[in-house]
């Protein structure tokens, strides 16, 4: 135990205590990170990112998401972000603007919710958004060893016209089975396979792995 550990524990308690109030006061702000097609050099969509404006200070996800993951509050925040993203799409639609497909991160904590797909669809339909403009982004990890549950979730979303993507691919234990046993639409390879340092000792191996994962995904019909 040390001073830094004490500070961290106090901060975690504050995050837990302030969560409900912050949601009610709309302190969480949603930003869009553009996705650019490297072949056509055009906007190919966007990813919804959340920041916490806490008493005038912008708090980044790394400082509160892990806390909310532990206590399960992340599920409420995910639906908050989904609602905000759909509201933005609705506004664009009313103004006659082109709609980008927006991806929204959903925590693994949702996996046990048998009504998850229905609740997602209800939010989208409330804003009268065509389903193809929403993408649900899931994170690969060791928790995805129950492929049957994941496959059913992805198939149920697909049946509603909602695309799915897997984030941080290659960091969990289920990598290749995720490709084989689920019908995901988009694969996001973890950045650890793309070393930027020219002198990185494993750079050549990483590049070979990255290239072949991309080829494999393409052959399986995954973007």
C-alpha atoms as a PDB file:
ATOM      1  CA  UNK A   1       0.000   0.000   0.000  1.00  0.00           C
ATOM      2  CA  UNK A   2       1.281   3.477  -0.863  1.00  0.00           C
ATOM      3  CA  UNK A   3       0.015   7.014  -1.445  1.00  0.00           C
ATOM      4  CA  UNK A   4      -0.604   6.429  -5.159  1.00  0.00           C
ATOM      5  CA  UNK A   5      -2.644   3.332  -4.451  1.00  0.00           C
ATOM      6  CA  UNK A   6      -4.718   5.279  -1.951  1.00  0.00           C
ATOM      7  CA  UNK A   7      -5.327   8.036  -4.519  1.00  0.00           C
ATOM      8  CA  UNK A   8      -6.399   5.455  -7.081  1.00  0.00           C
ATOM      9  CA  UNK A   9      -8.835   3.802  -4.673  1.00  0.00           C
ATOM     10  CA  UNK A  10     -10.343   7.156  -3.737  1.00  0.00           C
ATOM     11  CA  UNK A  11     -10.750   8.055  -7.400  1.00  0.00           C
ATOM     12  CA  UNK A  12     -12.442   4.726  -8.150  1.00  0.00           C
ATOM     13  CA  UNK A  13     -14.889   5.332  -5.310  1.00  0.00           C
ATOM     14  CA  UNK A  14     -15.669   8.820  -6.680  1.00  0.00           C
ATOM     15  CA  UNK A  15     -16.315   7.393 -10.146  1.00  0.00           C
ATOM     16  CA  UNK A  16     -18.699   4.788  -8.733  1.00  0.00           C
ATOM     17  CA  UNK A  17     -20.520   7.342  -6.581  1.00  0.00           C
ATOM     18  CA  UNK A  18     -20.807   9.964  -9.343  1.00  0.00           C
ATOM     19  CA  UNK A  19     -21.871   7.680 -12.198  1.00  0.00           C
ATOM     20  CA  UNK A  20     -25.668   7.998 -11.870  1.00  0.00           C
ATOM     21  CA  UNK A  21     -25.524  11.755 -11.335  1.00  0.00           C
ATOM     22  CA  UNK A  22     -23.159  12.208 -14.273  1.00  0.00           C
ATOM     23  CA  UNK A  23     -25.496  10.292 -16.589  1.00  0.00           C
ATOM     24  CA  UNK A  24     -28.533  12.250 -15.381  1.00  0.00           C
ATOM     25  CA  UNK A  25     -26.688  15.542 -15.905  1.00  0.00           C
ATOM     26  CA  UNK A  26     -25.406  14.447 -19.330  1.00  0.00           C
ATOM     27  CA  UNK A  27     -21.806  15.002 -18.302  1.00  0.00           C
ATOM     28  CA  UNK A  28     -20.644  12.277 -20.697  1.00  0.00           C
ATOM     29  CA  UNK A  29     -19.910  13.745 -24.096  1.00  0.00           C
ATOM     30  CA  UNK A  30     -19.796  11.770 -27.335  1.00  0.00           C
ATOM     31  CA  UNK A  31     -17.223  12.567 -30.018  1.00  0.00           C
ATOM     32  CA  UNK A  32     -16.931  10.991 -33.451  1.00  0.00           C
ATOM     33  CA  UNK A  33     -13.627   9.640 -34.726  1.00  0.00           C
ATOM     34  CA  UNK A  34     -13.729   9.386 -38.533  1.00  0.00           C
ATOM     35  CA  UNK A  35     -12.933   6.174 -40.388  1.00  0.00           C
ATOM     36  CA  UNK A  36     -11.213   6.825 -43.702  1.00  0.00           C
ATOM     37  CA  UNK A  37     -11.089   4.420 -46.633  1.00  0.00           C
ATOM     38  CA  UNK A  38      -7.425   4.226 -47.642  1.00  0.00           C
ATOM     39  CA  UNK A  39      -8.307   2.963 -51.126  1.00  0.00           C
ATOM     40  CA  UNK A  40     -10.924   5.585 -52.020  1.00  0.00           C
ATOM     41  CA  UNK A  41      -9.731   8.302 -49.592  1.00  0.00           C
ATOM     42  CA  UNK A  42     -13.278   9.078 -48.469  1.00  0.00           C
ATOM     43  CA  UNK A  43     -15.157   8.993 -45.178  1.00  0.00           C
ATOM     44  CA  UNK A  44     -16.184   5.374 -44.549  1.00  0.00           C
ATOM     45  CA  UNK A  45     -17.909   5.865 -41.196  1.00  0.00           C
ATOM     46  CA  UNK A  46     -17.142   6.951 -37.664  1.00  0.00           C
ATOM     47  CA  UNK A  47     -16.628   5.552 -34.189  1.00  0.00           C
ATOM     48  CA  UNK A  48     -18.403   7.041 -31.172  1.00  0.00           C
ATOM     49  CA  UNK A  49     -15.946   7.901 -28.394  1.00  0.00           C
ATOM     50  CA  UNK A  50     -16.975   9.044 -24.927  1.00  0.00           C
ATOM     51  CA  UNK A  51     -15.381  11.608 -22.638  1.00  0.00           C
ATOM     52  CA  UNK A  52     -16.503  12.692 -19.174  1.00  0.00           C
ATOM     53  CA  UNK A  53     -16.812  16.436 -18.610  1.00  0.00           C
ATOM     54  CA  UNK A  54     -16.505  16.358 -14.817  1.00  0.00           C
ATOM     55  CA  UNK A  55     -16.765  19.801 -13.236  1.00  0.00           C
ATOM     56  CA  UNK A  56     -15.191  21.411 -16.286  1.00  0.00           C
ATOM     57  CA  UNK A  57     -12.370  18.879 -16.607  1.00  0.00           C
ATOM     58  CA  UNK A  58     -12.387  16.425 -19.515  1.00  0.00           C
ATOM     59  CA  UNK A  59     -11.734  12.905 -18.221  1.00  0.00           C
ATOM     60  CA  UNK A  60     -10.511  10.311 -20.723  1.00  0.00           C
ATOM     61  CA  UNK A  61     -11.903   6.743 -20.894  1.00  0.00           C
ATOM     62  CA  UNK A  62      -8.848   5.084 -19.388  1.00  0.00           C
ATOM     63  CA  UNK A  63      -9.582   6.883 -16.121  1.00  0.00           C
ATOM     64  CA  UNK A  64     -13.195   5.754 -15.716  1.00  0.00           C
ATOM     65  CA  UNK A  65     -14.101   2.915 -18.096  1.00  0.00           C
ATOM     66  CA  UNK A  66     -12.194   0.205 -16.139  1.00  0.00           C
ATOM     67  CA  UNK A  67     -14.031   1.244 -12.946  1.00  0.00           C
ATOM     68  CA  UNK A  68     -17.414   1.067 -14.664  1.00  0.00           C
ATOM     69  CA  UNK A  69     -16.477  -2.305 -16.174  1.00  0.00           C
ATOM     70  CA  UNK A  70     -15.851  -3.718 -12.716  1.00  0.00           C
ATOM     71  CA  UNK A  71     -19.122  -2.593 -11.154  1.00  0.00           C
ATOM     72  CA  UNK A  72     -21.266  -3.165 -14.262  1.00  0.00           C
ATOM     73  CA  UNK A  73     -22.251   0.493 -14.731  1.00  0.00           C
ATOM     74  CA  UNK A  74     -20.616   0.385 -18.153  1.00  0.00           C
ATOM     75  CA  UNK A  75     -23.840  -1.129 -19.537  1.00  0.00           C
ATOM     76  CA  UNK A  76     -25.772   2.064 -18.768  1.00  0.00           C
ATOM     77  CA  UNK A  77     -23.042   4.172 -20.356  1.00  0.00           C
ATOM     78  CA  UNK A  78     -23.000   2.045 -23.524  1.00  0.00           C
ATOM     79  CA  UNK A  79     -26.718   2.617 -24.067  1.00  0.00           C
ATOM     80  CA  UNK A  80     -26.252   6.327 -23.302  1.00  0.00           C
ATOM     81  CA  UNK A  81     -23.632   6.536 -26.071  1.00  0.00           C
ATOM     82  CA  UNK A  82     -25.859   4.544 -28.439  1.00  0.00           C
ATOM     83  CA  UNK A  83     -28.733   6.952 -27.812  1.00  0.00           C
ATOM     84  CA  UNK A  84     -26.506  10.001 -28.405  1.00  0.00           C
ATOM     85  CA  UNK A  85     -25.118   8.523 -31.628  1.00  0.00           C
ATOM     86  CA  UNK A  86     -28.618   7.741 -32.908  1.00  0.00           C
ATOM     87  CA  UNK A  87     -29.776  11.257 -32.007  1.00  0.00           C
ATOM     88  CA  UNK A  88     -26.918  12.651 -34.096  1.00  0.00           C
ATOM     89  CA  UNK A  89     -27.851  10.408 -37.034  1.00  0.00           C
ATOM     90  CA  UNK A  90     -31.481  11.492 -36.686  1.00  0.00           C
ATOM     91  CA  UNK A  91     -30.427  15.146 -36.822  1.00  0.00           C
ATOM     92  CA  UNK A  92     -28.308  14.500 -39.925  1.00  0.00           C
ATOM     93  CA  UNK A  93     -31.216  12.706 -41.582  1.00  0.00           C
ATOM     94  CA  UNK A  94     -33.622  15.576 -40.879  1.00  0.00           C
ATOM     95  CA  UNK A  95     -31.132  18.023 -42.417  1.00  0.00           C
ATOM     96  CA  UNK A  96     -30.780  15.880 -45.532  1.00  0.00           C
ATOM     97  CA  UNK A  97     -27.110  15.115 -44.880  1.00  0.00           C
ATOM     98  CA  UNK A  98     -25.363  11.899 -45.842  1.00  0.00           C
ATOM     99  CA  UNK A  99     -25.404   9.478 -42.928  1.00  0.00           C
ATOM    100  CA  UNK A 100     -22.150   7.866 -41.824  1.00  0.00           C
ATOM    101  CA  UNK A 101     -22.302   4.445 -40.230  1.00  0.00           C
ATOM    102  CA  UNK A 102     -21.423   4.942 -36.568  1.00  0.00           C
ATOM    103  CA  UNK A 103     -19.882   2.180 -34.479  1.00  0.00           C
ATOM    104  CA  UNK A 104     -20.602   2.029 -30.761  1.00  0.00           C
ATOM    105  CA  UNK A 105     -18.558   0.020 -28.304  1.00  0.00           C
ATOM    106  CA  UNK A 106     -20.501  -2.477 -26.205  1.00  0.00           C
ATOM    107  CA  UNK A 107     -18.885  -4.070 -23.170  1.00  0.00           C
ATOM    108  CA  UNK A 108     -18.655  -7.820 -22.607  1.00  0.00           C
ATOM    109  CA  UNK A 109     -20.769  -7.167 -19.514  1.00  0.00           C
ATOM    110  CA  UNK A 110     -23.813  -7.183 -21.814  1.00  0.00           C
ATOM    111  CA  UNK A 111     -23.309 -10.791 -22.872  1.00  0.00           C
ATOM    112  CA  UNK A 112     -25.576 -12.162 -20.126  1.00  0.00           C
ATOM    113  CA  UNK A 113     -28.468  -9.883 -21.147  1.00  0.00           C
ATOM    114  CA  UNK A 114     -30.874 -12.032 -23.175  1.00  0.00           C
ATOM    115  CA  UNK A 115     -32.818  -8.911 -24.191  1.00  0.00           C
ATOM    116  CA  UNK A 116     -29.742  -7.066 -25.475  1.00  0.00           C
ATOM    117  CA  UNK A 117     -30.620  -7.108 -29.177  1.00  0.00           C
ATOM    118  CA  UNK A 118     -34.199  -6.048 -28.512  1.00  0.00           C
ATOM    119  CA  UNK A 119     -33.042  -3.142 -26.336  1.00  0.00           C
ATOM    120  CA  UNK A 120     -30.537  -1.998 -28.970  1.00  0.00           C
ATOM    121  CA  UNK A 121     -33.209  -2.103 -31.683  1.00  0.00           C
ATOM    122  CA  UNK A 122     -35.615  -0.120 -29.486  1.00  0.00           C
ATOM    123  CA  UNK A 123     -33.100   2.737 -29.164  1.00  0.00           C
ATOM    124  CA  UNK A 124     -32.399   2.804 -32.907  1.00  0.00           C
ATOM    125  CA  UNK A 125     -36.086   2.666 -33.832  1.00  0.00           C
ATOM    126  CA  UNK A 126     -36.966   5.417 -31.361  1.00  0.00           C
ATOM    127  CA  UNK A 127     -34.803   7.738 -33.469  1.00  0.00           C
ATOM    128  CA  UNK A 128     -36.199   6.265 -36.731  1.00  0.00           C
ATOM    129  CA  UNK A 129     -32.704   5.408 -37.975  1.00  0.00           C
ATOM    130  CA  UNK A 130     -32.204   2.757 -40.684  1.00  0.00           C
ATOM    131  CA  UNK A 131     -30.440  -0.128 -38.941  1.00  0.00           C
ATOM    132  CA  UNK A 132     -27.585  -0.306 -41.431  1.00  0.00           C
ATOM    133  CA  UNK A 133     -26.177   2.972 -40.110  1.00  0.00           C
ATOM    134  CA  UNK A 134     -25.421   1.473 -36.684  1.00  0.00           C
ATOM    135  CA  UNK A 135     -22.524  -0.865 -35.960  1.00  0.00           C
ATOM    136  CA  UNK A 136     -22.046  -2.631 -32.639  1.00  0.00           C
ATOM    137  CA  UNK A 137     -18.398  -3.025 -31.738  1.00  0.00           C
ATOM    138  CA  UNK A 138     -17.374  -5.871 -29.446  1.00  0.00           C
ATOM    139  CA  UNK A 139     -13.951  -6.455 -27.927  1.00  0.00           C
ATOM    140  CA  UNK A 140     -12.226  -9.792 -28.331  1.00  0.00           C
ATOM    141  CA  UNK A 141     -10.904 -11.369 -25.146  1.00  0.00           C
ATOM    142  CA  UNK A 142     -10.688 -14.615 -23.241  1.00  0.00           C
ATOM    143  CA  UNK A 143     -14.334 -14.115 -22.249  1.00  0.00           C
ATOM    144  CA  UNK A 144     -15.289 -14.922 -25.822  1.00  0.00           C
ATOM    145  CA  UNK A 145     -14.484 -18.615 -25.423  1.00  0.00           C
ATOM    146  CA  UNK A 146     -18.225 -19.250 -25.322  1.00  0.00           C
ATOM    147  CA  UNK A 147     -18.477 -18.986 -29.081  1.00  0.00           C
ATOM    148  CA  UNK A 148     -22.095 -20.174 -29.196  1.00  0.00           C
ATOM    149  CA  UNK A 149     -23.318 -17.185 -27.161  1.00  0.00           C
ATOM    150  CA  UNK A 150     -21.264 -14.764 -29.244  1.00  0.00           C
ATOM    151  CA  UNK A 151     -22.355 -16.316 -32.525  1.00  0.00           C
ATOM    152  CA  UNK A 152     -26.034 -16.091 -31.530  1.00  0.00           C
ATOM    153  CA  UNK A 153     -25.647 -12.444 -30.517  1.00  0.00           C
ATOM    154  CA  UNK A 154     -23.916 -11.504 -33.759  1.00  0.00           C
ATOM    155  CA  UNK A 155     -26.437 -13.445 -35.855  1.00  0.00           C
ATOM    156  CA  UNK A 156     -29.359 -11.810 -34.027  1.00  0.00           C
ATOM    157  CA  UNK A 157     -27.935  -8.351 -34.707  1.00  0.00           C
ATOM    158  CA  UNK A 158     -27.333  -9.257 -38.342  1.00  0.00           C
ATOM    159  CA  UNK A 159     -30.954 -10.432 -38.647  1.00  0.00           C
ATOM    160  CA  UNK A 160     -31.964  -6.895 -37.612  1.00  0.00           C
ATOM    161  CA  UNK A 161     -29.697  -5.367 -40.247  1.00  0.00           C
ATOM    162  CA  UNK A 162     -27.137  -4.224 -37.652  1.00  0.00           C
ATOM    163  CA  UNK A 163     -23.505  -4.874 -38.502  1.00  0.00           C
ATOM    164  CA  UNK A 164     -20.917  -5.986 -35.963  1.00  0.00           C
ATOM    165  CA  UNK A 165     -17.190  -5.556 -35.576  1.00  0.00           C
ATOM    166  CA  UNK A 166     -14.531  -7.088 -33.361  1.00  0.00           C
ATOM    167  CA  UNK A 167     -12.043  -4.691 -31.785  1.00  0.00           C
ATOM    168  CA  UNK A 168      -8.497  -5.454 -30.580  1.00  0.00           C
ATOM    169  CA  UNK A 169      -8.402  -8.667 -32.617  1.00  0.00           C
ATOM    170  CA  UNK A 170      -5.380 -10.826 -31.843  1.00  0.00           C
ATOM    171  CA  UNK A 171      -5.049  -9.982 -28.146  1.00  0.00           C
ATOM    172  CA  UNK A 172      -7.484 -12.571 -26.767  1.00  0.00           C
ATOM    173  CA  UNK A 173      -7.471 -16.343 -26.784  1.00  0.00           C
ATOM    174  CA  UNK A 174     -10.250 -16.823 -29.286  1.00  0.00           C
ATOM    175  CA  UNK A 175      -8.826 -15.089 -32.357  1.00  0.00           C
ATOM    176  CA  UNK A 176      -9.101 -17.659 -35.141  1.00  0.00           C
ATOM    177  CA  UNK A 177     -12.214 -19.311 -33.719  1.00  0.00           C
ATOM    178  CA  UNK A 178     -13.900 -15.892 -33.680  1.00  0.00           C
ATOM    179  CA  UNK A 179     -13.410 -15.715 -37.433  1.00  0.00           C
ATOM    180  CA  UNK A 180     -14.492 -19.315 -37.988  1.00  0.00           C
ATOM    181  CA  UNK A 181     -17.553 -19.501 -35.757  1.00  0.00           C
ATOM    182  CA  UNK A 182     -19.112 -16.037 -36.000  1.00  0.00           C
ATOM    183  CA  UNK A 183     -20.418 -13.964 -38.911  1.00  0.00           C
ATOM    184  CA  UNK A 184     -18.822 -10.636 -37.979  1.00  0.00           C
ATOM    185  CA  UNK A 185     -18.728  -7.928 -40.635  1.00  0.00           C
ATOM    186  CA  UNK A 186     -15.632  -5.941 -39.698  1.00  0.00           C
ATOM    187  CA  UNK A 187     -12.341  -6.891 -38.089  1.00  0.00           C
ATOM    188  CA  UNK A 188     -10.196  -4.338 -36.266  1.00  0.00           C
ATOM    189  CA  UNK A 189      -6.709  -5.757 -35.803  1.00  0.00           C
ATOM    190  CA  UNK A 190      -5.035  -4.712 -32.576  1.00  0.00           C
ATOM    191  CA  UNK A 191      -2.493  -1.922 -32.959  1.00  0.00           C
ATOM    192  CA  UNK A 192       0.214  -4.082 -31.340  1.00  0.00           C
ATOM    193  CA  UNK A 193       0.577  -5.782 -34.738  1.00  0.00           C
ATOM    194  CA  UNK A 194       1.455  -2.454 -36.358  1.00  0.00           C
ATOM    195  CA  UNK A 195       4.710  -1.305 -34.696  1.00  0.00           C
ATOM    196  CA  UNK A 196       5.614   2.227 -35.704  1.00  0.00           C
ATOM    197  CA  UNK A 197       9.194   2.137 -34.429  1.00  0.00           C
ATOM    198  CA  UNK A 198      11.577   1.575 -37.324  1.00  0.00           C
ATOM    199  CA  UNK A 199      14.074  -0.209 -35.067  1.00  0.00           C
ATOM    200  CA  UNK A 200      11.523  -2.531 -33.428  1.00  0.00           C
ATOM    201  CA  UNK A 201      13.146  -5.974 -33.180  1.00  0.00           C
ATOM    202  CA  UNK A 202       9.903  -7.835 -33.915  1.00  0.00           C
ATOM    203  CA  UNK A 203       8.718  -5.427 -36.630  1.00  0.00           C
ATOM    204  CA  UNK A 204       9.223  -7.868 -39.495  1.00  0.00           C
ATOM    205  CA  UNK A 205       7.291 -10.651 -37.731  1.00  0.00           C
ATOM    206  CA  UNK A 206       4.477  -8.277 -36.803  1.00  0.00           C
ATOM    207  CA  UNK A 207       4.165  -7.087 -40.391  1.00  0.00           C
ATOM    208  CA  UNK A 208       3.989 -10.669 -41.659  1.00  0.00           C
ATOM    209  CA  UNK A 209       1.292 -11.521 -39.108  1.00  0.00           C
ATOM    210  CA  UNK A 210      -0.693  -8.371 -39.886  1.00  0.00           C
ATOM    211  CA  UNK A 211      -0.605  -8.999 -43.622  1.00  0.00           C
ATOM    212  CA  UNK A 212      -1.703 -12.619 -43.293  1.00  0.00           C
ATOM    213  CA  UNK A 213      -4.505 -11.841 -40.802  1.00  0.00           C
ATOM    214  CA  UNK A 214      -5.804  -9.313 -43.321  1.00  0.00           C
ATOM    215  CA  UNK A 215      -5.638 -11.870 -46.146  1.00  0.00           C
ATOM    216  CA  UNK A 216      -7.388 -14.510 -44.024  1.00  0.00           C
ATOM    217  CA  UNK A 217     -10.174 -12.126 -42.992  1.00  0.00           C
ATOM    218  CA  UNK A 218     -10.699 -11.014 -46.606  1.00  0.00           C
ATOM    219  CA  UNK A 219     -10.873 -14.634 -47.797  1.00  0.00           C
ATOM    220  CA  UNK A 220     -13.577 -15.268 -45.167  1.00  0.00           C
ATOM    221  CA  UNK A 221     -15.572 -12.278 -46.351  1.00  0.00           C
ATOM    222  CA  UNK A 222     -14.743 -10.026 -43.389  1.00  0.00           C
ATOM    223  CA  UNK A 223     -13.864  -6.386 -43.989  1.00  0.00           C
END
